[in-house]
Amino acid sequence: MKLHKLFLGIMLLVATSMMACTAPKSQYITTNGNMLGTFVQVTCRTTLSQPEIEAIVREVDTEMKASMSIFDPTSLLSRINRNECDTLDEHLIYNITLAERFYTMSGGAYDITVKPLTDAWGFGKDRSTSVPNVDSLCQFVGYDLISIEDNRLIKEDYRTQVDLNSIAKGYTVDLVATKLEALGVVDYIVDIGGEIRCRGRNAQGKEWRIGIETPYDGNMAMDSIEKIITLDNGAMATSGNYRRFYIAEDGSKVVHTIDPRTGHSVSSTLLSATVIAPTCAEADAAATMFMALGSEGGAVALAEECAKEHGWRYYFIFASDEGYDVECSEEYRDK
């Protein structure tokens, strides 16, 4: 009897050892690709394989393009903008509702119905650079012209159109991050076109290090970093006018940030606005909001208010006669 128990104990120990040897081991993997018309990079510590991570990215990319893309004519948002339907999915409801918060907070400087103006100034799907008739367009631009009722988008003017590019990329980052966390991943960083969310530690056991670009015109390759931010739980997004702009026939610089209250391109010394917030959707929308407010519209004052009320952090870079000036949260100031 004792020998039988001893034999069973040995067999159990061997089986446990074999299971331990065959159990998948977590390790840091990195996958790169394209998503939402830009680059995506995911680094995480996981037992999942690289193809499995890539499959998650592809699944989210397909879902987001089908829902919120203004460049895909078959997307739900494109069809709503053409008044072919008015029924919203969960992604559109979430983002349109969240956008109202930033519209109110900014006094209308942030407005997802700005699409007719951005198109007219040459930053939409059609690349016209002729000077638009702003007055004729502004009459159907305004968040107060839309509402959600029974999961339907109600427009007061059929010409009103919605553009979620200022929030959708951050929201997509959040979706990928949420899917990773649901699979038990606790150490990760998700980067879609510079919009980032992270948690835990990197492969060196330290907080994730994220660079803020130097905002000179045409900095496309991130070959100059102005500041390194460390983060272990949260999201970061940067908005700037140093990439998407053109020089008009009269020599003036036309940037892609349009003030929906005036209908014109924002003229400001604020070159880039970086926001750190709990979610990337918030950070993405907030960074755009601060750029729309600009240096003369109270961006810094509102950022300080949001830091106290919501716990956001910020890093703003302004043009100056000496090069650049910085306004930022206390923890990012050079000591």
Protein backbone atom coordinates (compact mmCIF):
# COMPACT_ATOMS: atom_id res chain seq x y z
CA MET A 1 0.00 0.00 0.00
CA LYS A 2 2.83 2.35 0.90
CA LEU A 3 4.67 1.44 -2.31
CA HIS A 4 1.50 2.15 -4.30
CA LYS A 5 1.15 5.62 -2.73
CA LEU A 6 4.82 6.30 -3.33
CA PHE A 7 4.46 5.32 -6.98
CA LEU A 8 1.45 7.61 -7.41
CA GLY A 9 3.35 10.47 -5.77
CA ILE A 10 6.30 10.02 -8.13
CA MET A 11 4.02 9.90 -11.17
CA LEU A 12 2.25 13.10 -10.04
CA LEU A 13 5.59 14.85 -9.58
CA VAL A 14 6.76 13.75 -13.04
CA ALA A 15 3.50 14.88 -14.65
CA THR A 16 3.71 18.28 -12.93
CA SER A 17 7.31 18.68 -14.07
CA MET A 18 6.39 17.80 -17.64
CA MET A 19 3.54 20.33 -17.63
CA ALA A 20 5.88 23.02 -16.34
CA CYS A 21 8.33 22.24 -19.11
CA THR A 22 5.69 22.36 -21.82
CA ALA A 23 3.75 25.41 -20.55
CA PRO A 24 4.28 28.44 -22.79
CA LYS A 25 6.68 31.00 -21.38
CA SER A 26 5.86 34.68 -21.49
CA GLN A 27 8.30 36.86 -23.37
CA TYR A 28 8.47 40.31 -24.92
CA ILE A 29 7.52 40.39 -28.58
CA THR A 30 7.13 43.30 -30.99
CA THR A 31 4.93 43.45 -34.05
CA ASN A 32 4.90 46.20 -36.68
CA GLY A 33 2.43 46.93 -39.43
CA ASN A 34 -0.09 49.36 -40.87
CA MET A 35 -3.34 50.46 -39.30
CA LEU A 36 -5.81 53.25 -40.08
CA GLY A 37 -3.55 54.46 -42.87
CA THR A 38 -0.52 54.86 -40.59
CA PHE A 39 1.98 52.67 -38.73
CA VAL A 40 1.22 50.48 -35.73
CA GLN A 41 3.67 48.94 -33.28
CA VAL A 42 2.74 46.70 -30.37
CA THR A 43 5.27 45.48 -27.82
CA CYS A 44 4.13 43.26 -24.97
CA ARG A 45 5.13 40.49 -22.59
CA THR A 46 2.88 37.58 -23.41
CA THR A 47 2.54 33.86 -24.05
CA LEU A 48 0.75 34.70 -27.29
CA SER A 49 2.57 34.30 -30.58
CA GLN A 50 3.39 37.17 -32.91
CA PRO A 51 0.79 36.00 -35.47
CA GLU A 52 -1.85 36.05 -32.70
CA ILE A 53 -0.97 39.66 -31.80
CA GLU A 54 -1.05 40.60 -35.49
CA ALA A 55 -4.48 39.00 -35.82
CA ILE A 56 -5.81 41.18 -32.98
CA VAL A 57 -4.48 44.29 -34.73
CA ARG A 58 -6.03 43.28 -38.08
CA GLU A 59 -9.38 42.53 -36.46
CA VAL A 60 -9.55 45.95 -34.76
CA ASP A 61 -8.32 47.74 -37.89
CA THR A 62 -11.04 46.14 -40.03
CA GLU A 63 -13.73 46.95 -37.48
CA MET A 64 -12.67 50.58 -37.07
CA LYS A 65 -12.41 51.26 -40.80
CA ALA A 66 -15.86 49.78 -41.36
CA SER A 67 -17.26 52.01 -38.64
CA MET A 68 -15.49 55.38 -38.50
CA SER A 69 -13.39 55.93 -41.61
CA ILE A 70 -14.12 59.08 -43.62
CA PHE A 71 -11.82 57.85 -46.39
CA ASP A 72 -13.64 54.55 -47.01
CA PRO A 73 -16.89 55.37 -48.84
CA THR A 74 -18.45 52.12 -47.62
CA SER A 75 -17.91 52.83 -43.91
CA LEU A 76 -20.90 53.46 -41.68
CA LEU A 77 -19.80 57.05 -40.97
CA SER A 78 -19.35 57.81 -44.68
CA ARG A 79 -22.87 56.56 -45.38
CA ILE A 80 -24.25 58.63 -42.49
CA ASN A 81 -22.45 61.71 -43.82
CA ARG A 82 -24.12 61.11 -47.21
CA ASN A 83 -27.49 60.74 -45.41
CA GLU A 84 -27.92 57.18 -46.68
CA CYS A 85 -28.61 55.97 -43.15
CA ASP A 86 -28.67 57.34 -39.61
CA THR A 87 -28.26 54.28 -37.35
CA LEU A 88 -25.11 54.39 -35.21
CA ASP A 89 -22.99 51.52 -33.94
CA GLU A 90 -21.43 51.37 -30.47
CA HIS A 91 -18.15 52.93 -31.65
CA LEU A 92 -19.80 55.97 -33.20
CA ILE A 93 -22.09 56.46 -30.20
CA TYR A 94 -19.14 56.38 -27.80
CA ASN A 95 -16.98 58.81 -29.77
CA ILE A 96 -19.72 61.27 -30.71
CA THR A 97 -20.84 61.36 -27.07
CA LEU A 98 -17.27 61.83 -25.79
CA ALA A 99 -16.71 64.60 -28.35
CA GLU A 100 -19.51 66.65 -26.80
CA ARG A 101 -17.46 66.89 -23.61
CA PHE A 102 -14.56 68.51 -25.47
CA TYR A 103 -16.85 70.74 -27.51
CA THR A 104 -18.34 72.13 -24.30
CA MET A 105 -15.00 72.36 -22.51
CA SER A 106 -13.41 74.33 -25.36
CA GLY A 107 -16.30 76.68 -26.03
CA GLY A 108 -16.73 75.19 -29.50
CA ALA A 109 -13.06 75.22 -30.56
CA TYR A 110 -13.15 71.42 -30.69
CA ASP A 111 -15.95 70.28 -32.99
CA ILE A 112 -16.32 66.98 -34.85
CA THR A 113 -18.67 68.59 -37.40
CA VAL A 114 -15.74 70.59 -38.84
CA LYS A 115 -15.43 68.20 -41.81
CA PRO A 116 -16.88 70.56 -44.49
CA LEU A 117 -14.28 73.16 -43.49
CA THR A 118 -11.29 70.81 -43.40
CA ASP A 119 -12.35 69.44 -46.79
CA ALA A 120 -12.73 72.94 -48.22
CA TRP A 121 -9.27 73.97 -46.99
CA GLY A 122 -7.68 70.94 -48.68
CA PHE A 123 -7.19 68.53 -45.77
CA GLY A 124 -9.91 66.02 -46.54
CA LYS A 125 -10.25 63.32 -49.16
CA ASP A 126 -10.40 65.90 -51.94
CA ARG A 127 -7.22 67.98 -52.03
CA SER A 128 -8.58 71.33 -53.16
CA THR A 129 -6.48 74.28 -51.99
CA SER A 130 -8.67 77.08 -53.29
CA VAL A 131 -9.84 79.64 -50.74
CA PRO A 132 -13.28 78.47 -49.57
CA ASN A 133 -16.41 80.49 -48.97
CA VAL A 134 -16.24 80.18 -45.19
CA ASP A 135 -19.52 81.92 -44.43
CA SER A 136 -21.49 79.50 -46.59
CA LEU A 137 -19.92 76.50 -44.85
CA CYS A 138 -20.10 77.64 -41.23
CA GLN A 139 -23.90 77.64 -41.28
CA PHE A 140 -23.96 73.83 -41.15
CA VAL A 141 -20.95 73.36 -38.87
CA GLY A 142 -21.60 73.04 -35.14
CA TYR A 143 -21.97 70.20 -32.65
CA ASP A 144 -25.30 71.71 -31.55
CA LEU A 145 -26.66 70.73 -34.98
CA ILE A 146 -26.50 67.01 -34.16
CA SER A 147 -27.93 64.78 -31.46
CA ILE A 148 -28.33 61.08 -30.70
CA GLU A 149 -31.81 59.63 -30.25
CA ASP A 150 -32.51 55.90 -30.00
CA ASN A 151 -29.07 55.10 -31.46
CA ARG A 152 -29.74 57.36 -34.44
CA LEU A 153 -27.85 60.49 -35.47
CA ILE A 154 -30.27 63.37 -35.86
CA LYS A 155 -29.10 66.31 -38.02
CA GLU A 156 -30.76 69.69 -38.01
CA ASP A 157 -29.14 70.35 -41.39
CA TYR A 158 -28.64 67.49 -43.83
CA ARG A 159 -25.33 69.06 -44.99
CA THR A 160 -23.73 68.61 -41.56
CA GLN A 161 -20.98 65.97 -41.60
CA VAL A 162 -18.99 64.28 -38.84
CA ASP A 163 -15.20 63.76 -38.82
CA LEU A 164 -13.83 61.63 -35.98
CA ASN A 165 -10.17 61.69 -37.05
CA SER A 166 -9.31 63.75 -33.97
CA ILE A 167 -10.43 61.01 -31.62
CA ALA A 168 -10.77 57.72 -33.55
CA LYS A 169 -7.07 56.84 -33.60
CA GLY A 170 -6.80 57.22 -29.84
CA TYR A 171 -9.98 55.20 -29.39
CA THR A 172 -8.52 52.46 -31.58
CA VAL A 173 -5.38 52.37 -29.42
CA ASP A 174 -7.65 51.86 -26.41
CA LEU A 175 -9.45 48.98 -28.15
CA VAL A 176 -6.19 47.13 -28.89
CA ALA A 177 -5.00 47.72 -25.32
CA THR A 178 -8.30 46.48 -23.89
CA LYS A 179 -8.12 43.30 -25.96
CA LEU A 180 -4.57 42.63 -24.75
CA GLU A 181 -5.59 43.13 -21.13
CA ALA A 182 -8.55 40.78 -21.59
CA LEU A 183 -6.02 38.11 -22.62
CA GLY A 184 -4.01 38.66 -19.44
CA VAL A 185 -1.31 40.95 -20.85
CA VAL A 186 -0.12 43.38 -18.16
CA ASP A 187 3.09 44.74 -19.73
CA TYR A 188 2.51 46.40 -23.10
CA ILE A 189 2.75 49.50 -25.24
CA VAL A 190 0.47 50.17 -28.23
CA ASP A 191 1.49 52.88 -30.70
CA ILE A 192 -0.70 53.84 -33.65
CA GLY A 193 0.72 56.76 -35.59
CA GLY A 194 2.21 58.29 -32.44
CA GLU A 195 -0.90 57.86 -30.28
CA ILE A 196 0.13 55.62 -27.40
CA ARG A 197 -1.20 53.64 -24.48
CA CYS A 198 0.94 51.56 -22.15
CA ARG A 199 0.93 49.61 -18.93
CA GLY A 200 3.51 47.89 -16.74
CA ARG A 201 7.18 47.71 -17.60
CA ASN A 202 9.41 47.30 -20.64
CA ALA A 203 11.86 44.43 -21.23
CA GLN A 204 14.42 46.15 -18.98
CA GLY A 205 11.96 46.26 -16.11
CA LYS A 206 11.58 50.04 -16.33
CA GLU A 207 8.77 52.41 -17.24
CA TRP A 208 8.06 52.83 -20.93
CA ARG A 209 9.98 55.73 -22.50
CA ILE A 210 8.09 57.84 -25.05
CA GLY A 211 9.57 60.65 -27.11
CA ILE A 212 7.95 64.00 -27.91
CA GLU A 213 9.14 65.22 -31.31
CA THR A 214 10.80 68.54 -31.99
CA PRO A 215 8.06 70.35 -33.94
CA TYR A 216 9.92 71.77 -36.92
CA ASP A 217 8.19 71.88 -40.30
CA GLY A 218 8.37 68.57 -42.10
CA ASN A 219 9.68 66.43 -39.22
CA MET A 220 8.33 63.19 -40.64
CA ALA A 221 10.85 60.64 -39.42
CA MET A 222 10.90 61.45 -35.69
CA ASP A 223 14.63 62.11 -36.06
CA SER A 224 14.67 64.84 -33.41
CA ILE A 225 13.27 64.39 -29.90
CA GLU A 226 12.48 67.35 -27.66
CA LYS A 227 11.50 65.46 -24.49
CA ILE A 228 11.36 61.91 -23.13
CA ILE A 229 8.30 61.01 -21.06
CA THR A 230 8.22 57.90 -18.86
CA LEU A 231 4.89 56.18 -18.30
CA ASP A 232 3.73 52.93 -16.71
CA ASN A 233 -0.06 53.22 -16.91
CA GLY A 234 -1.90 55.63 -19.17
CA ALA A 235 -2.02 57.13 -22.63
CA MET A 236 -0.31 59.92 -24.53
CA ALA A 237 -1.18 61.78 -27.73
CA THR A 238 0.39 64.70 -29.56
CA SER A 239 -1.21 67.06 -32.02
CA GLY A 240 0.78 69.54 -34.09
CA ASN A 241 0.79 71.62 -37.24
CA TYR A 242 4.35 70.88 -38.36
CA ARG A 243 3.43 68.01 -40.71
CA ARG A 244 0.05 68.73 -42.28
CA PHE A 245 0.20 72.18 -43.83
CA TYR A 246 0.74 73.93 -47.14
CA ILE A 247 1.81 77.36 -48.35
CA ALA A 248 -1.00 79.27 -50.05
CA GLU A 249 -0.55 81.36 -53.20
CA ASP A 250 -0.26 84.52 -51.11
CA GLY A 251 2.61 82.96 -49.14
CA SER A 252 0.61 82.32 -45.97
CA LYS A 253 0.87 79.00 -44.12
CA VAL A 254 -2.37 77.04 -43.97
CA VAL A 255 -2.36 74.36 -41.24
CA HIS A 256 -4.76 71.46 -40.87
CA THR A 257 -6.16 72.64 -37.53
CA ILE A 258 -9.28 74.63 -38.42
CA ASP A 259 -11.16 76.74 -35.88
CA PRO A 260 -14.83 75.81 -36.49
CA ARG A 261 -15.93 79.06 -34.85
CA THR A 262 -14.24 81.19 -37.52
CA GLY A 263 -13.89 78.69 -40.35
CA HIS A 264 -10.23 79.58 -40.80
CA SER A 265 -6.92 77.84 -40.25
CA VAL A 266 -5.63 78.46 -36.72
CA SER A 267 -2.82 81.00 -36.54
CA SER A 268 -0.84 80.35 -33.39
CA THR A 269 2.65 80.06 -31.90
CA LEU A 270 1.58 76.75 -30.33
CA LEU A 271 3.45 74.21 -32.44
CA SER A 272 2.51 71.00 -30.68
CA ALA A 273 0.37 69.89 -27.75
CA THR A 274 1.00 66.63 -25.91
CA VAL A 275 -1.51 65.28 -23.40
CA ILE A 276 -1.18 62.37 -20.97
CA ALA A 277 -4.54 60.96 -19.81
CA PRO A 278 -6.03 57.66 -18.61
CA THR A 279 -7.33 56.77 -22.09
CA CYS A 280 -5.92 57.50 -25.51
CA ALA A 281 -9.29 58.70 -26.82
CA GLU A 282 -9.23 61.44 -24.17
CA ALA A 283 -5.59 62.31 -24.85
CA ASP A 284 -6.17 62.41 -28.61
CA ALA A 285 -9.21 64.69 -28.42
CA ALA A 286 -7.62 66.92 -25.77
CA ALA A 287 -4.43 67.45 -27.80
CA THR A 288 -6.52 68.50 -30.82
CA MET A 289 -8.63 70.74 -28.62
CA PHE A 290 -5.60 72.59 -27.26
CA MET A 291 -4.21 73.09 -30.77
CA ALA A 292 -7.56 74.53 -31.88
CA LEU A 293 -7.55 76.94 -28.94
CA GLY A 294 -3.96 77.95 -29.73
CA SER A 295 -1.64 80.30 -27.93
CA GLU A 296 -4.18 83.13 -27.86
CA GLY A 297 -7.22 81.04 -27.00
CA GLY A 298 -6.35 79.99 -23.46
CA ALA A 299 -4.82 76.56 -24.15
CA VAL A 300 -2.40 76.73 -21.21
CA ALA A 301 -5.01 77.99 -18.75
CA LEU A 302 -7.43 75.21 -19.75
CA ALA A 303 -4.64 72.60 -19.56
CA GLU A 304 -3.86 73.67 -15.99
CA GLU A 305 -7.54 73.47 -15.12
CA CYS A 306 -7.82 69.99 -16.65
CA ALA A 307 -4.72 68.85 -14.78
CA LYS A 308 -6.37 69.77 -11.49
CA GLU A 309 -9.81 68.43 -12.35
CA HIS A 310 -9.00 65.32 -14.41
CA GLY A 311 -5.38 64.53 -13.52
CA TRP A 312 -4.19 65.06 -17.10
CA ARG A 313 -0.61 66.15 -17.77
CA TYR A 314 0.55 68.28 -20.66
CA TYR A 315 3.62 69.39 -22.59
CA PHE A 316 3.18 72.32 -24.99
CA ILE A 317 5.87 73.61 -27.35
CA PHE A 318 5.63 77.19 -28.64
CA ALA A 319 7.59 79.01 -31.32
CA SER A 320 9.73 81.89 -30.01
CA ASP A 321 12.40 84.25 -31.27
CA GLU A 322 15.04 82.04 -29.65
CA GLY A 323 13.60 78.81 -31.04
CA TYR A 324 11.11 77.09 -28.70
CA ASP A 325 9.38 77.83 -25.41
CA VAL A 326 7.77 75.14 -23.28
CA GLU A 327 4.75 75.19 -20.99
CA CYS A 328 4.18 71.92 -19.18
CA SER A 329 3.07 70.09 -16.07
CA GLU A 330 5.31 70.49 -13.03
CA GLU A 331 6.79 66.98 -13.26
CA TYR A 332 8.10 67.62 -16.78
CA ARG A 333 9.90 70.86 -16.03
CA ASP A 334 13.68 70.82 -16.13
CA LYS A 335 15.05 71.05 -12.63
